N, C-alpha and C. Protein backbone atom coordinates (compact mmCIF):
# COMPACT_ATOMS: atom_id res chain seq x y z
N UNK A 1 124.63 54.43 57.26
CA UNK A 1 123.35 53.86 57.64
C UNK A 1 123.20 53.89 59.15
N UNK A 2 121.98 54.19 59.60
CA UNK A 2 121.73 54.23 61.04
C UNK A 2 120.35 53.67 61.32
N UNK A 3 120.27 52.64 62.14
CA UNK A 3 118.99 52.04 62.50
C UNK A 3 118.37 52.87 63.63
N UNK A 4 117.38 53.66 63.29
CA UNK A 4 116.76 54.56 64.26
C UNK A 4 115.93 53.78 65.26
N UNK A 5 115.12 52.86 64.78
CA UNK A 5 114.40 51.91 65.63
C UNK A 5 114.17 50.64 64.82
N UNK A 6 113.36 49.74 65.33
CA UNK A 6 113.22 48.43 64.68
C UNK A 6 112.56 48.52 63.31
N UNK A 7 111.88 49.64 63.02
CA UNK A 7 111.18 49.73 61.74
C UNK A 7 111.64 50.86 60.84
N UNK A 8 112.67 51.60 61.23
CA UNK A 8 113.08 52.79 60.47
C UNK A 8 114.60 52.83 60.39
N UNK A 9 115.11 52.91 59.16
CA UNK A 9 116.55 53.00 58.95
C UNK A 9 116.85 54.21 58.08
N UNK A 10 117.82 54.99 58.50
CA UNK A 10 118.21 56.17 57.74
C UNK A 10 119.54 55.91 57.03
N UNK A 11 119.54 56.13 55.72
CA UNK A 11 120.75 56.06 54.90
C UNK A 11 121.08 57.47 54.43
N UNK A 12 122.34 57.80 54.32
CA UNK A 12 122.72 59.10 53.78
C UNK A 12 124.10 59.03 53.16
N UNK A 13 124.31 59.89 52.17
CA UNK A 13 125.60 60.00 51.50
C UNK A 13 125.99 61.47 51.43
N UNK A 14 126.97 61.89 52.23
CA UNK A 14 127.40 63.29 52.18
C UNK A 14 128.51 63.49 51.14
N UNK A 15 128.47 64.65 50.52
CA UNK A 15 129.53 65.04 49.60
C UNK A 15 130.19 66.29 50.17
N UNK A 16 131.34 66.12 50.79
CA UNK A 16 132.01 67.24 51.46
C UNK A 16 132.47 68.31 50.47
N UNK A 17 132.67 67.93 49.22
CA UNK A 17 133.11 68.90 48.21
C UNK A 17 131.98 69.85 47.81
N UNK A 18 130.80 69.31 47.63
CA UNK A 18 129.66 70.14 47.19
C UNK A 18 128.75 70.54 48.34
N UNK A 19 128.89 69.87 49.51
CA UNK A 19 128.01 70.16 50.64
C UNK A 19 126.62 69.59 50.47
N UNK A 20 126.46 68.61 49.60
CA UNK A 20 125.15 68.01 49.34
C UNK A 20 125.03 66.67 50.07
N UNK A 21 123.89 66.47 50.74
CA UNK A 21 123.62 65.21 51.42
C UNK A 21 122.42 64.54 50.76
N UNK A 22 122.58 63.28 50.37
CA UNK A 22 121.48 62.49 49.82
C UNK A 22 120.92 61.61 50.92
N UNK A 23 119.63 61.77 51.22
CA UNK A 23 118.97 61.00 52.27
C UNK A 23 118.09 59.91 51.67
N UNK A 24 118.00 58.78 52.37
CA UNK A 24 117.05 57.73 52.05
C UNK A 24 116.54 57.16 53.37
N UNK A 25 115.29 57.47 53.70
CA UNK A 25 114.67 57.00 54.94
C UNK A 25 113.78 55.81 54.62
N UNK A 26 114.13 54.64 55.15
CA UNK A 26 113.43 53.40 54.84
C UNK A 26 112.60 52.94 56.04
N UNK A 27 111.30 52.72 55.82
CA UNK A 27 110.41 52.33 56.92
C UNK A 27 109.68 51.03 56.60
N UNK A 28 109.34 50.32 57.68
CA UNK A 28 108.68 49.02 57.55
C UNK A 28 107.19 49.19 57.32
N UNK A 29 106.84 49.71 56.16
CA UNK A 29 105.44 49.83 55.76
C UNK A 29 105.35 49.68 54.25
N UNK A 30 104.26 49.13 53.78
CA UNK A 30 104.07 48.98 52.33
C UNK A 30 102.95 49.86 51.82
N UNK A 31 102.34 50.66 52.71
CA UNK A 31 101.23 51.51 52.26
C UNK A 31 101.16 52.85 52.98
N UNK A 32 101.96 53.04 54.04
CA UNK A 32 101.88 54.28 54.81
C UNK A 32 102.90 55.32 54.36
N UNK A 33 102.80 56.49 54.99
CA UNK A 33 103.75 57.57 54.68
C UNK A 33 105.03 57.43 55.51
N UNK A 34 106.08 58.11 55.04
CA UNK A 34 107.38 58.15 55.73
C UNK A 34 107.81 59.61 55.82
N UNK A 35 108.44 59.98 56.94
CA UNK A 35 108.87 61.36 57.11
C UNK A 35 110.24 61.42 57.77
N UNK A 36 110.98 62.47 57.41
CA UNK A 36 112.23 62.81 58.08
C UNK A 36 112.19 64.30 58.37
N UNK A 37 112.41 64.66 59.64
CA UNK A 37 112.24 66.05 60.04
C UNK A 37 113.50 66.69 60.57
N UNK A 38 113.50 68.01 60.50
CA UNK A 38 114.62 68.83 60.98
C UNK A 38 114.08 69.78 62.04
N UNK A 39 114.24 69.43 63.33
CA UNK A 39 113.71 70.28 64.40
C UNK A 39 114.41 71.64 64.43
N UNK A 40 113.67 72.65 64.86
CA UNK A 40 114.23 73.98 65.03
C UNK A 40 114.35 74.34 66.50
N UNK A 41 113.83 73.47 67.38
CA UNK A 41 113.87 73.73 68.82
C UNK A 41 114.33 72.46 69.52
N UNK A 42 115.66 72.27 69.57
CA UNK A 42 116.17 71.03 70.14
C UNK A 42 115.72 69.87 69.27
N UNK A 43 115.11 68.88 69.88
CA UNK A 43 114.59 67.76 69.12
C UNK A 43 113.08 67.69 69.15
N UNK A 44 112.42 68.83 69.49
CA UNK A 44 110.97 68.84 69.65
C UNK A 44 110.27 68.74 68.30
N UNK A 45 109.14 68.05 68.30
CA UNK A 45 108.32 67.95 67.10
C UNK A 45 107.72 69.30 66.74
N UNK A 46 107.25 70.03 67.74
CA UNK A 46 106.62 71.33 67.49
C UNK A 46 107.65 72.30 66.92
N UNK A 47 107.33 72.90 65.78
CA UNK A 47 108.23 73.84 65.13
C UNK A 47 109.16 73.21 64.12
N UNK A 48 109.16 71.89 64.02
CA UNK A 48 110.07 71.21 63.09
C UNK A 48 109.61 71.36 61.65
N UNK A 49 110.57 71.28 60.74
CA UNK A 49 110.29 71.20 59.31
C UNK A 49 110.53 69.76 58.86
N UNK A 50 109.60 69.21 58.11
CA UNK A 50 109.72 67.80 57.74
C UNK A 50 109.49 67.60 56.24
N UNK A 51 110.13 66.57 55.73
CA UNK A 51 109.82 66.07 54.39
C UNK A 51 108.99 64.81 54.60
N UNK A 52 107.79 64.78 54.06
CA UNK A 52 106.85 63.68 54.31
C UNK A 52 106.21 63.28 53.00
N UNK A 53 106.07 61.97 52.79
CA UNK A 53 105.47 61.60 51.53
C UNK A 53 105.05 60.16 51.36
N UNK A 54 104.34 59.97 50.27
CA UNK A 54 103.93 58.66 49.76
C UNK A 54 104.24 58.68 48.26
N UNK A 55 104.17 57.55 47.58
CA UNK A 55 104.51 57.56 46.15
C UNK A 55 103.71 58.60 45.37
N UNK A 56 104.41 59.48 44.68
CA UNK A 56 103.76 60.50 43.87
C UNK A 56 103.32 61.73 44.62
N UNK A 57 103.51 61.76 45.92
CA UNK A 57 103.07 62.92 46.72
C UNK A 57 104.03 63.14 47.88
N UNK A 58 105.08 63.89 47.64
CA UNK A 58 106.08 64.20 48.68
C UNK A 58 106.08 65.71 48.88
N UNK A 59 105.96 66.14 50.14
CA UNK A 59 105.86 67.57 50.42
C UNK A 59 106.71 67.95 51.62
N UNK A 60 106.95 69.25 51.73
CA UNK A 60 107.66 69.80 52.90
C UNK A 60 106.64 70.53 53.76
N UNK A 61 106.66 70.22 55.06
CA UNK A 61 105.71 70.82 55.99
C UNK A 61 106.43 71.46 57.17
N UNK A 62 105.76 72.44 57.76
CA UNK A 62 106.15 72.94 59.07
C UNK A 62 105.14 72.44 60.08
N UNK A 63 105.62 71.94 61.23
CA UNK A 63 104.73 71.39 62.25
C UNK A 63 104.59 72.40 63.38
N UNK A 64 103.53 73.21 63.37
CA UNK A 64 103.38 74.22 64.42
C UNK A 64 102.98 73.64 65.77
N UNK A 65 102.55 72.40 65.79
CA UNK A 65 102.14 71.76 67.04
C UNK A 65 102.20 70.26 66.91
N UNK A 66 101.40 69.56 67.73
CA UNK A 66 101.42 68.10 67.73
C UNK A 66 100.26 67.49 66.94
N UNK A 67 99.30 68.31 66.55
CA UNK A 67 98.14 67.80 65.82
C UNK A 67 98.00 68.54 64.50
N UNK A 68 97.77 67.82 63.39
CA UNK A 68 97.68 68.49 62.09
C UNK A 68 96.40 69.27 61.88
N UNK A 69 95.38 68.99 62.69
CA UNK A 69 94.10 69.65 62.47
C UNK A 69 93.58 69.34 61.09
N UNK A 70 93.34 70.39 60.29
CA UNK A 70 92.87 70.19 58.92
C UNK A 70 94.01 69.97 57.95
N UNK A 71 95.25 70.07 58.45
CA UNK A 71 96.40 69.82 57.59
C UNK A 71 97.61 70.62 58.03
N UNK A 72 98.82 70.07 57.80
CA UNK A 72 100.04 70.80 58.13
C UNK A 72 100.27 71.89 57.10
N UNK A 73 100.75 73.07 57.52
CA UNK A 73 101.08 74.10 56.54
C UNK A 73 102.33 73.72 55.75
N UNK A 74 102.27 73.85 54.44
CA UNK A 74 103.43 73.55 53.62
C UNK A 74 104.47 74.66 53.74
N UNK A 75 105.73 74.29 53.54
CA UNK A 75 106.82 75.24 53.68
C UNK A 75 107.92 74.90 52.69
N UNK A 76 108.95 75.69 52.68
CA UNK A 76 110.16 75.41 51.90
C UNK A 76 111.31 75.27 52.88
N UNK A 77 111.94 74.11 52.92
CA UNK A 77 113.07 73.88 53.81
C UNK A 77 114.33 74.31 53.08
N UNK A 78 115.07 75.29 53.63
CA UNK A 78 116.27 75.77 52.95
C UNK A 78 117.22 74.63 52.60
N UNK A 79 117.62 74.57 51.35
CA UNK A 79 118.59 73.57 50.92
C UNK A 79 118.00 72.29 50.39
N UNK A 80 116.73 72.00 50.72
CA UNK A 80 116.12 70.77 50.21
C UNK A 80 115.74 70.98 48.74
N UNK A 81 116.16 70.07 47.89
CA UNK A 81 115.93 70.18 46.44
C UNK A 81 114.62 69.47 46.11
N UNK A 82 113.57 70.23 45.75
CA UNK A 82 112.25 69.62 45.50
C UNK A 82 112.29 68.52 44.45
N UNK A 83 113.09 68.72 43.40
CA UNK A 83 113.13 67.73 42.31
C UNK A 83 113.72 66.40 42.76
N UNK A 84 114.41 66.40 43.90
CA UNK A 84 115.04 65.16 44.38
C UNK A 84 114.10 64.34 45.26
N UNK A 85 112.94 64.90 45.63
CA UNK A 85 112.05 64.23 46.57
C UNK A 85 111.24 63.14 45.86
N UNK A 86 111.28 61.93 46.41
CA UNK A 86 110.55 60.81 45.82
C UNK A 86 110.32 59.74 46.87
N UNK A 87 109.27 58.95 46.66
CA UNK A 87 108.98 57.82 47.54
C UNK A 87 108.71 56.60 46.69
N UNK A 88 109.33 55.49 47.05
CA UNK A 88 109.07 54.22 46.38
C UNK A 88 108.59 53.21 47.42
N UNK A 89 107.69 52.33 46.98
CA UNK A 89 107.15 51.30 47.87
C UNK A 89 107.28 49.94 47.23
N UNK A 90 107.95 49.04 47.94
CA UNK A 90 108.03 47.62 47.55
C UNK A 90 107.76 46.82 48.82
N UNK A 91 108.77 46.11 49.32
CA UNK A 91 108.63 45.42 50.60
C UNK A 91 108.70 46.41 51.76
N UNK A 92 109.31 47.56 51.52
CA UNK A 92 109.36 48.66 52.48
C UNK A 92 109.03 49.95 51.72
N UNK A 93 108.96 51.05 52.46
CA UNK A 93 108.75 52.35 51.83
C UNK A 93 109.99 53.20 52.04
N UNK A 94 110.50 53.80 50.96
CA UNK A 94 111.73 54.58 51.02
C UNK A 94 111.47 56.01 50.56
N UNK A 95 111.77 56.95 51.45
CA UNK A 95 111.69 58.38 51.13
C UNK A 95 113.09 58.88 50.79
N UNK A 96 113.25 59.50 49.63
CA UNK A 96 114.56 60.00 49.20
C UNK A 96 114.48 61.49 48.88
N UNK A 97 115.52 62.20 49.27
CA UNK A 97 115.66 63.61 48.88
C UNK A 97 117.09 64.05 49.16
N UNK A 98 117.43 65.23 48.64
CA UNK A 98 118.75 65.80 48.86
C UNK A 98 118.63 67.15 49.54
N UNK A 99 119.62 67.45 50.39
CA UNK A 99 119.66 68.77 51.03
C UNK A 99 121.06 69.34 50.92
N UNK A 100 121.10 70.60 50.53
CA UNK A 100 122.36 71.32 50.36
C UNK A 100 122.80 71.94 51.69
N UNK A 101 124.09 71.90 51.96
CA UNK A 101 124.63 72.53 53.15
C UNK A 101 124.33 74.02 53.14
N UNK A 102 123.98 74.57 54.32
CA UNK A 102 123.68 75.99 54.46
C UNK A 102 124.06 76.43 55.86
N UNK A 103 123.78 77.70 56.17
CA UNK A 103 124.16 78.21 57.49
C UNK A 103 123.48 77.44 58.62
N UNK A 104 122.24 76.97 58.40
CA UNK A 104 121.54 76.23 59.45
C UNK A 104 121.58 74.72 59.21
N UNK A 105 122.42 74.28 58.27
CA UNK A 105 122.58 72.85 58.02
C UNK A 105 124.03 72.61 57.61
N UNK A 106 124.89 72.49 58.62
CA UNK A 106 126.32 72.31 58.41
C UNK A 106 126.65 70.83 58.57
N UNK A 107 127.34 70.27 57.60
CA UNK A 107 127.57 68.83 57.57
C UNK A 107 128.28 68.31 58.82
N UNK A 108 129.19 69.09 59.36
CA UNK A 108 130.00 68.61 60.49
C UNK A 108 129.34 68.86 61.85
N UNK A 109 128.20 69.55 61.87
CA UNK A 109 127.54 69.87 63.14
C UNK A 109 126.57 68.76 63.52
N UNK A 110 126.63 68.32 64.78
CA UNK A 110 125.64 67.35 65.28
C UNK A 110 124.32 68.07 65.49
N UNK A 111 123.23 67.39 65.17
CA UNK A 111 121.91 67.98 65.32
C UNK A 111 120.91 66.86 65.57
N UNK A 112 119.71 67.24 65.98
CA UNK A 112 118.66 66.25 66.14
C UNK A 112 117.84 66.16 64.85
N UNK A 113 117.46 64.95 64.50
CA UNK A 113 116.52 64.70 63.42
C UNK A 113 115.30 63.99 64.00
N UNK A 114 114.20 64.07 63.27
CA UNK A 114 112.97 63.37 63.67
C UNK A 114 112.64 62.32 62.62
N UNK A 115 112.36 61.12 63.07
CA UNK A 115 111.97 60.04 62.17
C UNK A 115 110.57 59.58 62.54
N UNK A 116 109.72 59.38 61.54
CA UNK A 116 108.36 58.93 61.81
C UNK A 116 107.78 58.27 60.56
N UNK A 117 106.81 57.39 60.78
CA UNK A 117 106.10 56.81 59.65
C UNK A 117 104.76 56.27 60.11
N UNK A 118 103.89 55.98 59.15
CA UNK A 118 102.60 55.36 59.45
C UNK A 118 102.59 53.98 58.83
N UNK A 119 102.15 53.00 59.58
CA UNK A 119 102.22 51.63 59.10
C UNK A 119 101.20 51.30 58.02
N UNK A 120 100.14 52.12 57.89
CA UNK A 120 99.11 51.76 56.91
C UNK A 120 98.51 52.93 56.15
N UNK A 121 98.40 54.12 56.77
CA UNK A 121 97.70 55.22 56.13
C UNK A 121 98.62 56.05 55.23
N UNK A 122 98.10 56.41 54.05
CA UNK A 122 98.84 57.29 53.14
C UNK A 122 98.44 58.75 53.31
N UNK A 123 97.49 59.02 54.19
CA UNK A 123 97.05 60.39 54.42
C UNK A 123 98.12 61.18 55.16
N UNK A 124 98.48 62.34 54.64
CA UNK A 124 99.52 63.15 55.27
C UNK A 124 99.08 63.72 56.61
N UNK A 125 97.78 63.74 56.86
CA UNK A 125 97.29 64.26 58.14
C UNK A 125 97.06 63.16 59.17
N UNK A 126 97.30 61.90 58.78
CA UNK A 126 97.15 60.80 59.74
C UNK A 126 98.32 60.82 60.72
N UNK A 127 98.01 60.76 62.02
CA UNK A 127 99.06 60.77 63.03
C UNK A 127 99.92 59.51 62.90
N UNK A 128 101.22 59.66 63.10
CA UNK A 128 102.13 58.52 63.00
C UNK A 128 101.65 57.36 63.87
N UNK A 129 101.93 56.17 63.45
CA UNK A 129 101.55 54.99 64.23
C UNK A 129 102.31 54.97 65.55
N UNK A 130 101.69 54.37 66.56
CA UNK A 130 102.30 54.33 67.89
C UNK A 130 103.65 53.64 67.84
N UNK A 131 104.64 54.28 68.47
CA UNK A 131 105.97 53.70 68.57
C UNK A 131 106.83 53.85 67.34
N UNK A 132 106.37 54.65 66.36
CA UNK A 132 107.14 54.76 65.11
C UNK A 132 107.82 56.11 64.95
N UNK A 133 107.84 56.93 65.99
CA UNK A 133 108.52 58.23 65.86
C UNK A 133 109.55 58.39 66.96
N UNK A 134 110.65 59.05 66.62
CA UNK A 134 111.72 59.22 67.59
C UNK A 134 112.61 60.38 67.14
N UNK A 135 113.17 61.09 68.12
CA UNK A 135 114.19 62.10 67.84
C UNK A 135 115.55 61.49 68.16
N UNK A 136 116.54 61.76 67.32
CA UNK A 136 117.86 61.18 67.54
C UNK A 136 118.94 62.15 67.08
N UNK A 137 120.13 61.99 67.66
CA UNK A 137 121.24 62.87 67.32
C UNK A 137 121.97 62.34 66.09
N UNK A 138 122.36 63.27 65.21
CA UNK A 138 122.92 62.88 63.92
C UNK A 138 123.86 63.95 63.41
N UNK A 139 124.82 63.55 62.60
CA UNK A 139 125.65 64.49 61.85
C UNK A 139 125.98 63.85 60.52
N UNK A 140 126.07 64.65 59.48
CA UNK A 140 126.33 64.11 58.14
C UNK A 140 127.70 63.46 58.07
N UNK A 141 128.66 64.04 58.75
CA UNK A 141 130.01 63.47 58.82
C UNK A 141 130.46 63.50 60.27
N UNK A 142 131.31 62.54 60.66
CA UNK A 142 131.79 62.52 62.04
C UNK A 142 131.27 61.35 62.83
N UNK A 143 131.59 61.32 64.12
CA UNK A 143 131.32 60.16 64.97
C UNK A 143 129.84 59.89 65.12
N UNK A 144 129.02 60.92 65.26
CA UNK A 144 127.59 60.69 65.46
C UNK A 144 126.98 60.05 64.23
N UNK A 145 127.45 60.46 63.06
CA UNK A 145 126.93 59.89 61.82
C UNK A 145 127.22 58.40 61.73
N UNK A 146 128.31 57.98 62.32
CA UNK A 146 128.67 56.56 62.27
C UNK A 146 127.86 55.72 63.23
N UNK A 147 127.00 56.36 64.01
CA UNK A 147 126.15 55.63 64.93
C UNK A 147 126.84 55.26 66.22
N UNK A 148 127.95 55.94 66.56
CA UNK A 148 128.65 55.59 67.79
C UNK A 148 127.93 56.09 69.03
N UNK A 149 127.00 57.01 68.85
CA UNK A 149 126.20 57.51 69.97
C UNK A 149 124.80 56.93 69.84
N UNK A 150 124.26 56.30 70.86
CA UNK A 150 122.91 55.76 70.77
C UNK A 150 121.89 56.88 70.69
N UNK A 151 120.73 56.66 70.05
CA UNK A 151 119.71 57.68 69.99
C UNK A 151 119.30 58.11 71.40
N UNK A 152 119.19 59.41 71.56
CA UNK A 152 118.79 59.94 72.85
C UNK A 152 117.83 61.09 72.63
N UNK A 153 116.66 61.00 73.19
CA UNK A 153 115.68 62.07 73.02
C UNK A 153 116.15 63.34 73.70
N UNK A 154 115.86 64.51 73.09
CA UNK A 154 116.19 65.77 73.76
C UNK A 154 115.38 65.98 75.03
N UNK A 155 114.33 65.18 75.21
CA UNK A 155 113.53 65.27 76.43
C UNK A 155 114.01 64.32 77.51
N UNK A 156 115.11 63.61 77.25
CA UNK A 156 115.57 62.59 78.18
C UNK A 156 115.78 63.15 79.59
N UNK A 157 116.51 64.27 79.71
CA UNK A 157 116.79 64.83 81.03
C UNK A 157 115.51 65.24 81.75
N UNK A 158 114.53 65.73 80.98
CA UNK A 158 113.25 66.11 81.59
C UNK A 158 112.48 64.87 82.05
N UNK A 159 112.54 63.80 81.26
CA UNK A 159 111.90 62.55 81.69
C UNK A 159 112.50 62.06 83.00
N UNK A 160 113.83 62.11 83.08
CA UNK A 160 114.50 61.66 84.30
C UNK A 160 114.08 62.53 85.48
N UNK A 161 114.09 63.85 85.28
CA UNK A 161 113.71 64.76 86.36
C UNK A 161 112.27 64.50 86.80
N UNK A 162 111.38 64.31 85.83
CA UNK A 162 109.97 64.03 86.14
C UNK A 162 109.85 62.75 86.97
N UNK A 163 110.54 61.71 86.51
CA UNK A 163 110.45 60.43 87.23
C UNK A 163 111.04 60.48 88.62
N UNK A 164 112.19 61.15 88.77
CA UNK A 164 112.83 61.25 90.08
C UNK A 164 111.94 62.03 91.05
N UNK A 165 111.38 63.15 90.59
CA UNK A 165 110.53 63.96 91.47
C UNK A 165 109.27 63.20 91.87
N UNK A 166 108.65 62.49 90.94
CA UNK A 166 107.46 61.70 91.27
C UNK A 166 107.80 60.58 92.26
N UNK A 167 108.92 59.90 92.00
CA UNK A 167 109.32 58.82 92.91
C UNK A 167 109.65 59.35 94.29
N UNK A 168 110.34 60.49 94.34
CA UNK A 168 110.69 61.08 95.63
C UNK A 168 109.45 61.53 96.39
N UNK A 169 108.52 62.18 95.68
CA UNK A 169 107.33 62.69 96.33
C UNK A 169 106.39 61.60 96.80
N UNK A 170 105.95 60.74 95.83
CA UNK A 170 104.96 59.72 96.15
C UNK A 170 105.57 58.45 96.76
N UNK A 171 106.83 58.19 96.44
CA UNK A 171 107.43 56.94 96.90
C UNK A 171 108.21 57.04 98.19
N UNK A 172 108.65 58.27 98.56
CA UNK A 172 109.47 58.42 99.75
C UNK A 172 108.87 59.40 100.75
N UNK A 173 108.75 60.65 100.36
CA UNK A 173 108.38 61.70 101.31
C UNK A 173 106.97 61.53 101.87
N UNK A 174 105.99 61.34 101.01
CA UNK A 174 104.61 61.20 101.50
C UNK A 174 104.43 59.94 102.36
N UNK A 175 104.97 58.78 101.96
CA UNK A 175 104.87 57.62 102.85
C UNK A 175 105.55 57.83 104.21
N UNK A 176 106.72 58.51 104.21
CA UNK A 176 107.39 58.79 105.49
C UNK A 176 106.52 59.69 106.35
N UNK A 177 105.88 60.67 105.72
CA UNK A 177 104.98 61.55 106.47
C UNK A 177 103.83 60.79 107.10
N UNK A 178 103.25 59.87 106.35
CA UNK A 178 102.14 59.07 106.88
C UNK A 178 102.62 58.16 108.01
N UNK A 179 103.74 57.48 107.79
CA UNK A 179 104.23 56.54 108.80
C UNK A 179 104.66 57.25 110.08
N UNK A 180 105.19 58.48 109.96
CA UNK A 180 105.59 59.21 111.17
C UNK A 180 104.38 59.51 112.04
N UNK A 181 103.25 59.77 111.42
CA UNK A 181 102.04 60.05 112.20
C UNK A 181 101.50 58.79 112.86
N UNK A 182 101.80 57.64 112.30
CA UNK A 182 101.29 56.38 112.85
C UNK A 182 102.22 55.77 113.90
N UNK A 183 103.51 56.05 113.80
CA UNK A 183 104.45 55.31 114.65
C UNK A 183 105.27 56.17 115.60
N UNK A 184 105.25 57.48 115.45
CA UNK A 184 106.14 58.32 116.26
C UNK A 184 105.40 59.32 117.15
N UNK A 185 104.16 59.05 117.47
CA UNK A 185 103.40 60.01 118.26
C UNK A 185 103.88 60.10 119.71
N UNK A 186 104.71 59.17 120.12
CA UNK A 186 105.26 59.23 121.48
C UNK A 186 106.52 60.09 121.54
N UNK A 187 106.89 60.72 120.44
CA UNK A 187 108.11 61.53 120.38
C UNK A 187 107.79 63.02 120.46
N UNK A 188 106.84 63.37 121.28
CA UNK A 188 106.43 64.77 121.47
C UNK A 188 106.07 65.38 120.10
N UNK A 189 106.65 66.56 119.79
CA UNK A 189 106.30 67.24 118.55
C UNK A 189 107.16 66.81 117.36
N UNK A 190 108.12 65.94 117.62
CA UNK A 190 109.00 65.51 116.52
C UNK A 190 108.20 64.85 115.40
N UNK A 191 107.25 64.00 115.79
CA UNK A 191 106.47 63.30 114.78
C UNK A 191 105.65 64.27 113.92
N UNK A 192 105.13 65.31 114.57
CA UNK A 192 104.29 66.27 113.85
C UNK A 192 105.12 67.10 112.87
N UNK A 193 106.28 67.55 113.32
CA UNK A 193 107.14 68.33 112.43
C UNK A 193 107.63 67.49 111.25
N UNK A 194 107.99 66.23 111.53
CA UNK A 194 108.41 65.34 110.46
C UNK A 194 107.25 65.06 109.50
N UNK A 195 106.08 64.79 110.07
CA UNK A 195 104.88 64.52 109.30
C UNK A 195 104.55 65.71 108.38
N UNK A 196 104.53 66.90 108.95
CA UNK A 196 104.20 68.10 108.17
C UNK A 196 105.27 68.39 107.11
N UNK A 197 106.54 68.32 107.50
CA UNK A 197 107.62 68.61 106.56
C UNK A 197 107.66 67.66 105.38
N UNK A 198 107.51 66.36 105.66
CA UNK A 198 107.54 65.37 104.57
C UNK A 198 106.33 65.53 103.65
N UNK A 199 105.17 65.82 104.21
CA UNK A 199 103.98 66.00 103.39
C UNK A 199 104.12 67.22 102.48
N UNK A 200 104.58 68.34 103.03
CA UNK A 200 104.78 69.53 102.23
C UNK A 200 105.81 69.28 101.12
N UNK A 201 106.94 68.66 101.50
CA UNK A 201 108.01 68.42 100.52
C UNK A 201 107.54 67.43 99.45
N UNK A 202 106.81 66.41 99.85
CA UNK A 202 106.33 65.43 98.90
C UNK A 202 105.36 66.02 97.90
N UNK A 203 104.45 66.86 98.40
CA UNK A 203 103.49 67.50 97.49
C UNK A 203 104.19 68.48 96.54
N UNK A 204 105.19 69.20 97.04
CA UNK A 204 105.94 70.13 96.18
C UNK A 204 106.70 69.36 95.09
N UNK A 205 107.30 68.23 95.45
CA UNK A 205 108.03 67.43 94.46
C UNK A 205 107.07 66.90 93.39
N UNK A 206 105.91 66.41 93.82
CA UNK A 206 104.92 65.90 92.87
C UNK A 206 104.39 67.03 91.99
N UNK A 207 104.18 68.20 92.56
CA UNK A 207 103.70 69.35 91.79
C UNK A 207 104.72 69.77 90.74
N UNK A 208 106.01 69.79 91.14
CA UNK A 208 107.06 70.16 90.19
C UNK A 208 107.11 69.16 89.03
N UNK A 209 106.96 67.86 89.34
CA UNK A 209 106.97 66.83 88.29
C UNK A 209 105.78 67.01 87.36
N UNK A 210 104.63 67.36 87.92
CA UNK A 210 103.42 67.56 87.11
C UNK A 210 103.59 68.76 86.19
N UNK A 211 104.21 69.84 86.69
CA UNK A 211 104.42 71.03 85.88
C UNK A 211 105.37 70.73 84.71
N UNK A 212 106.42 69.95 84.97
CA UNK A 212 107.34 69.55 83.89
C UNK A 212 106.59 68.81 82.80
N UNK A 213 105.74 67.87 83.21
CA UNK A 213 104.98 67.10 82.23
C UNK A 213 104.01 67.98 81.46
N UNK A 214 103.35 68.89 82.16
CA UNK A 214 102.35 69.75 81.53
C UNK A 214 102.97 70.70 80.52
N UNK A 215 104.13 71.26 80.85
CA UNK A 215 104.74 72.30 80.01
C UNK A 215 105.60 71.71 78.90
N UNK A 216 106.34 70.62 79.20
CA UNK A 216 107.37 70.15 78.27
C UNK A 216 106.98 68.93 77.45
N UNK A 217 106.03 68.13 77.92
CA UNK A 217 105.71 66.90 77.21
C UNK A 217 104.50 67.12 76.33
N UNK A 218 104.49 66.48 75.14
CA UNK A 218 103.36 66.57 74.24
C UNK A 218 102.29 65.58 74.62
N UNK A 219 101.27 65.43 73.75
CA UNK A 219 100.21 64.46 74.01
C UNK A 219 100.77 63.06 74.19
N UNK A 220 100.19 62.32 75.10
CA UNK A 220 100.65 60.97 75.40
C UNK A 220 100.51 60.08 74.20
N UNK A 221 101.61 59.41 73.85
CA UNK A 221 101.59 58.44 72.76
C UNK A 221 102.74 57.48 72.96
N UNK A 222 102.47 56.20 72.90
CA UNK A 222 103.52 55.22 73.11
C UNK A 222 104.60 55.41 72.07
N UNK A 223 105.83 55.55 72.53
CA UNK A 223 106.96 55.68 71.64
C UNK A 223 107.22 57.07 71.15
N UNK A 224 106.47 58.06 71.59
CA UNK A 224 106.69 59.42 71.12
C UNK A 224 107.97 59.97 71.65
N UNK A 225 108.61 60.74 70.81
CA UNK A 225 109.88 61.33 71.16
C UNK A 225 109.69 62.60 71.90
């Protein structure tokens, strides 16, 4: 068992002899959908294959982007047994299915999974509720499966780089450039060179941070992985 966040818990039972993993994804909703995804590009949502469902309607989808548009394209996830897919709703909603070990799903390999759910809507095209989706590292067997590693988004390093560059540009370099022009004009050309250099460097740092956000981050959503 692994508590992904305050409203989503993942249970699984691996069988090392047969290579079969039984999943049960439990979410804090009594009427919305629940999903468990298998990213194909790090831990990114775009390109992931997911099992998503509500009682009586569980399907496998490929997520080509961040918005379903008129609907996600259905797919077949290698190793997932369609007959095992089911959703039950009582005080919580539980999505269950089984996946067979394969070349791209090895029980002992650590990988990222995607967890998401909707707190109220049963529509498969309804975007997950804010704060209910996350990417986390997992393995069917081994230390990661035991929850010894805290969930970490695959975008974590990019978030840090974005924040550091923004803080350096807007919080340090540009203010130093402004202050040098106000307080160091009696230092001949030193103030001008410092002013110009800090302004250029600050703008470049801010531009680099903006490019990271534009290229690597999806649509803004609280809690998005």
